[in-house]
C-alpha atoms as a PDB file:
ATOM      1  CA  UNK A   1     146.033  86.313 -97.080  1.00  0.00           C
ATOM      2  CA  UNK A   2     149.011  84.378 -95.724  1.00  0.00           C
ATOM      3  CA  UNK A   3     149.130  85.485 -92.137  1.00  0.00           C
ATOM      4  CA  UNK A   4     145.172  84.588 -91.722  1.00  0.00           C
ATOM      5  CA  UNK A   5     145.408  81.212 -93.453  1.00  0.00           C
ATOM      6  CA  UNK A   6     148.763  80.359 -91.342  1.00  0.00           C
ATOM      7  CA  UNK A   7     146.821  81.785 -88.321  1.00  0.00           C
ATOM      8  CA  UNK A   8     143.369  79.839 -88.491  1.00  0.00           C
ATOM      9  CA  UNK A   9     145.418  76.313 -89.888  1.00  0.00           C
ATOM     10  CA  UNK A  10     147.946  76.952 -86.733  1.00  0.00           C
ATOM     11  CA  UNK A  11     144.584  77.336 -84.106  1.00  0.00           C
ATOM     12  CA  UNK A  12     142.885  74.539 -85.830  1.00  0.00           C
ATOM     13  CA  UNK A  13     145.708  72.084 -85.601  1.00  0.00           C
ATOM     14  CA  UNK A  14     147.265  73.431 -82.734  1.00  0.00           C
ATOM     15  CA  UNK A  15     150.583  74.713 -84.461  1.00  0.00           C
ATOM     16  CA  UNK A  16     152.848  77.561 -84.510  1.00  0.00           C
ATOM     17  CA  UNK A  17     154.742  78.102 -87.905  1.00  0.00           C
ATOM     18  CA  UNK A  18     158.193  79.622 -87.020  1.00  0.00           C
ATOM     19  CA  UNK A  19     158.865  80.623 -90.398  1.00  0.00           C
ATOM     20  CA  UNK A  20     156.251  80.732 -93.608  1.00  0.00           C
ATOM     21  CA  UNK A  21     157.277  80.880 -97.354  1.00  0.00           C
ATOM     22  CA  UNK A  22     154.656  81.342-100.224  1.00  0.00           C
ATOM     23  CA  UNK A  23     154.757  81.979-103.624  1.00  0.00           C
ATOM     24  CA  UNK A  24     155.195  85.528-103.318  1.00  0.00           C
ATOM     25  CA  UNK A  25     158.811  84.806-101.573  1.00  0.00           C
ATOM     26  CA  UNK A  26     160.347  81.848-103.721  1.00  0.00           C
ATOM     27  CA  UNK A  27     159.502  79.748-106.916  1.00  0.00           C
ATOM     28  CA  UNK A  28     156.707  77.231-106.544  1.00  0.00           C
ATOM     29  CA  UNK A  29     157.008  73.728-105.674  1.00  0.00           C
ATOM     30  CA  UNK A  30     158.586  71.223-106.744  1.00  0.00           C
ATOM     31  CA  UNK A  31     161.578  73.454-106.774  1.00  0.00           C
ATOM     32  CA  UNK A  32     164.051  73.366-103.505  1.00  0.00           C
ATOM     33  CA  UNK A  33     164.309  76.848-103.148  1.00  0.00           C
ATOM     34  CA  UNK A  34     161.531  77.632-100.831  1.00  0.00           C
ATOM     35  CA  UNK A  35     162.854  75.063 -98.456  1.00  0.00           C
ATOM     36  CA  UNK A  36     166.154  76.126 -98.258  1.00  0.00           C
ATOM     37  CA  UNK A  37     164.903  79.577 -97.566  1.00  0.00           C
ATOM     38  CA  UNK A  38     163.143  78.089 -94.588  1.00  0.00           C
ATOM     39  CA  UNK A  39     165.867  75.725 -93.332  1.00  0.00           C
ATOM     40  CA  UNK A  40     168.154  78.907 -93.629  1.00  0.00           C
ATOM     41  CA  UNK A  41     165.686  80.941 -91.495  1.00  0.00           C
ATOM     42  CA  UNK A  42     165.540  78.473 -88.779  1.00  0.00           C
ATOM     43  CA  UNK A  43     169.304  77.487 -88.871  1.00  0.00           C
ATOM     44  CA  UNK A  44     168.553  73.950 -89.911  1.00  0.00           C
ATOM     45  CA  UNK A  45     170.304  71.897 -92.454  1.00  0.00           C
ATOM     46  CA  UNK A  46     167.901  70.690 -95.368  1.00  0.00           C
ATOM     47  CA  UNK A  47     169.038  66.670 -93.660  1.00  0.00           C
ATOM     48  CA  UNK A  48     167.832  67.692 -90.457  1.00  0.00           C
ATOM     49  CA  UNK A  49     164.497  68.824 -91.818  1.00  0.00           C
ATOM     50  CA  UNK A  50     161.178  67.117 -92.476  1.00  0.00           C
ATOM     51  CA  UNK A  51     158.708  68.474 -95.422  1.00  0.00           C
ATOM     52  CA  UNK A  52     155.275  67.100 -95.110  1.00  0.00           C
ATOM     53  CA  UNK A  53     152.973  67.895 -97.271  1.00  0.00           C
ATOM     54  CA  UNK A  54     149.695  66.249 -98.979  1.00  0.00           C
ATOM     55  CA  UNK A  55     150.246  66.311-102.665  1.00  0.00           C
ATOM     56  CA  UNK A  56     153.508  64.447-104.608  1.00  0.00           C
ATOM     57  CA  UNK A  57     155.028  68.010-105.716  1.00  0.00           C
ATOM     58  CA  UNK A  58     155.496  68.639-102.087  1.00  0.00           C
ATOM     59  CA  UNK A  59     157.431  65.552-101.681  1.00  0.00           C
ATOM     60  CA  UNK A  60     159.173  65.868-104.686  1.00  0.00           C
ATOM     61  CA  UNK A  61     159.973  69.581-103.730  1.00  0.00           C
ATOM     62  CA  UNK A  62     161.058  67.841-100.162  1.00  0.00           C
ATOM     63  CA  UNK A  63     163.424  65.846-102.290  1.00  0.00           C
ATOM     64  CA  UNK A  64     165.012  68.273-104.446  1.00  0.00           C
ATOM     65  CA  UNK A  65     165.670  70.388-101.230  1.00  0.00           C
ATOM     66  CA  UNK A  66     167.084  67.181 -99.567  1.00  0.00           C
ATOM     67  CA  UNK A  67     165.204  67.105 -96.814  1.00  0.00           C
ATOM     68  CA  UNK A  68     163.304  63.887 -95.157  1.00  0.00           C
ATOM     69  CA  UNK A  69     159.608  63.600 -96.579  1.00  0.00           C
ATOM     70  CA  UNK A  70     156.582  62.715 -95.293  1.00  0.00           C
ATOM     71  CA  UNK A  71     153.080  62.244 -97.156  1.00  0.00           C
ATOM     72  CA  UNK A  72     149.890  62.999 -95.988  1.00  0.00           C
ATOM     73  CA  UNK A  73     147.146  61.401 -97.047  1.00  0.00           C
ATOM     74  CA  UNK A  74     144.434  62.556 -94.636  1.00  0.00           C
ATOM     75  CA  UNK A  75     143.045  59.388 -94.832  1.00  0.00           C
ATOM     76  CA  UNK A  76     143.035  58.836 -98.904  1.00  0.00           C
ATOM     77  CA  UNK A  77     145.046  56.456-100.998  1.00  0.00           C
ATOM     78  CA  UNK A  78     148.921  57.610-101.397  1.00  0.00           C
ATOM     79  CA  UNK A  79     148.889  58.505-104.245  1.00  0.00           C
ATOM     80  CA  UNK A  80     153.068  59.969-105.100  1.00  0.00           C
ATOM     81  CA  UNK A  81     155.712  59.508-108.091  1.00  0.00           C
ATOM     82  CA  UNK A  82     157.191  56.155-108.322  1.00  0.00           C
ATOM     83  CA  UNK A  83     160.387  58.018-108.783  1.00  0.00           C
ATOM     84  CA  UNK A  84     160.306  59.941-105.666  1.00  0.00           C
ATOM     85  CA  UNK A  85     158.652  58.046-103.024  1.00  0.00           C
ATOM     86  CA  UNK A  86     157.557  59.828 -99.373  1.00  0.00           C
ATOM     87  CA  UNK A  87     160.038  58.696 -96.736  1.00  0.00           C
ATOM     88  CA  UNK A  88     156.872  57.812 -94.944  1.00  0.00           C
ATOM     89  CA  UNK A  89     153.392  57.836 -95.069  1.00  0.00           C
ATOM     90  CA  UNK A  90     150.808  59.610 -92.292  1.00  0.00           C
ATOM     91  CA  UNK A  91     147.199  59.784 -92.640  1.00  0.00           C
ATOM     92  CA  UNK A  92     146.479  62.227 -90.227  1.00  0.00           C
ATOM     93  CA  UNK A  93     148.321  65.291 -88.952  1.00  0.00           C
ATOM     94  CA  UNK A  94     148.685  63.895 -85.096  1.00  0.00           C
ATOM     95  CA  UNK A  95     150.772  61.235 -86.238  1.00  0.00           C
ATOM     96  CA  UNK A  96     153.628  63.476 -87.355  1.00  0.00           C
ATOM     97  CA  UNK A  97     154.278  64.177 -83.664  1.00  0.00           C
ATOM     98  CA  UNK A  98     155.612  60.285 -83.357  1.00  0.00           C
ATOM     99  CA  UNK A  99     157.877  61.211 -86.388  1.00  0.00           C
ATOM    100  CA  UNK A 100     159.424  64.556 -85.188  1.00  0.00           C
ATOM    101  CA  UNK A 101     160.314  62.523 -81.743  1.00  0.00           C
ATOM    102  CA  UNK A 102     162.249  60.131 -83.824  1.00  0.00           C
END
């Protein structure tokens, strides 16, 4: 499942994934371990990473791991935990290119 989902999502959005971590590999969000595992595999410090997600637990996981965070709303109203606001809010995946250039 993991390979099929990653491949179809990457093709749909013209993305390539250097590392994929699922619940089979680490505890579920909002625990920080999955993000730390990805950062280690890429040789990146968490502070230099950007966690992108479409749910408030994604943002909380990023905060817990020490990454920057972006909430993807897909055009809907942004909902997040008041105690864990995202660093960025984007409506569409395409907006991430500008964030990554910063």
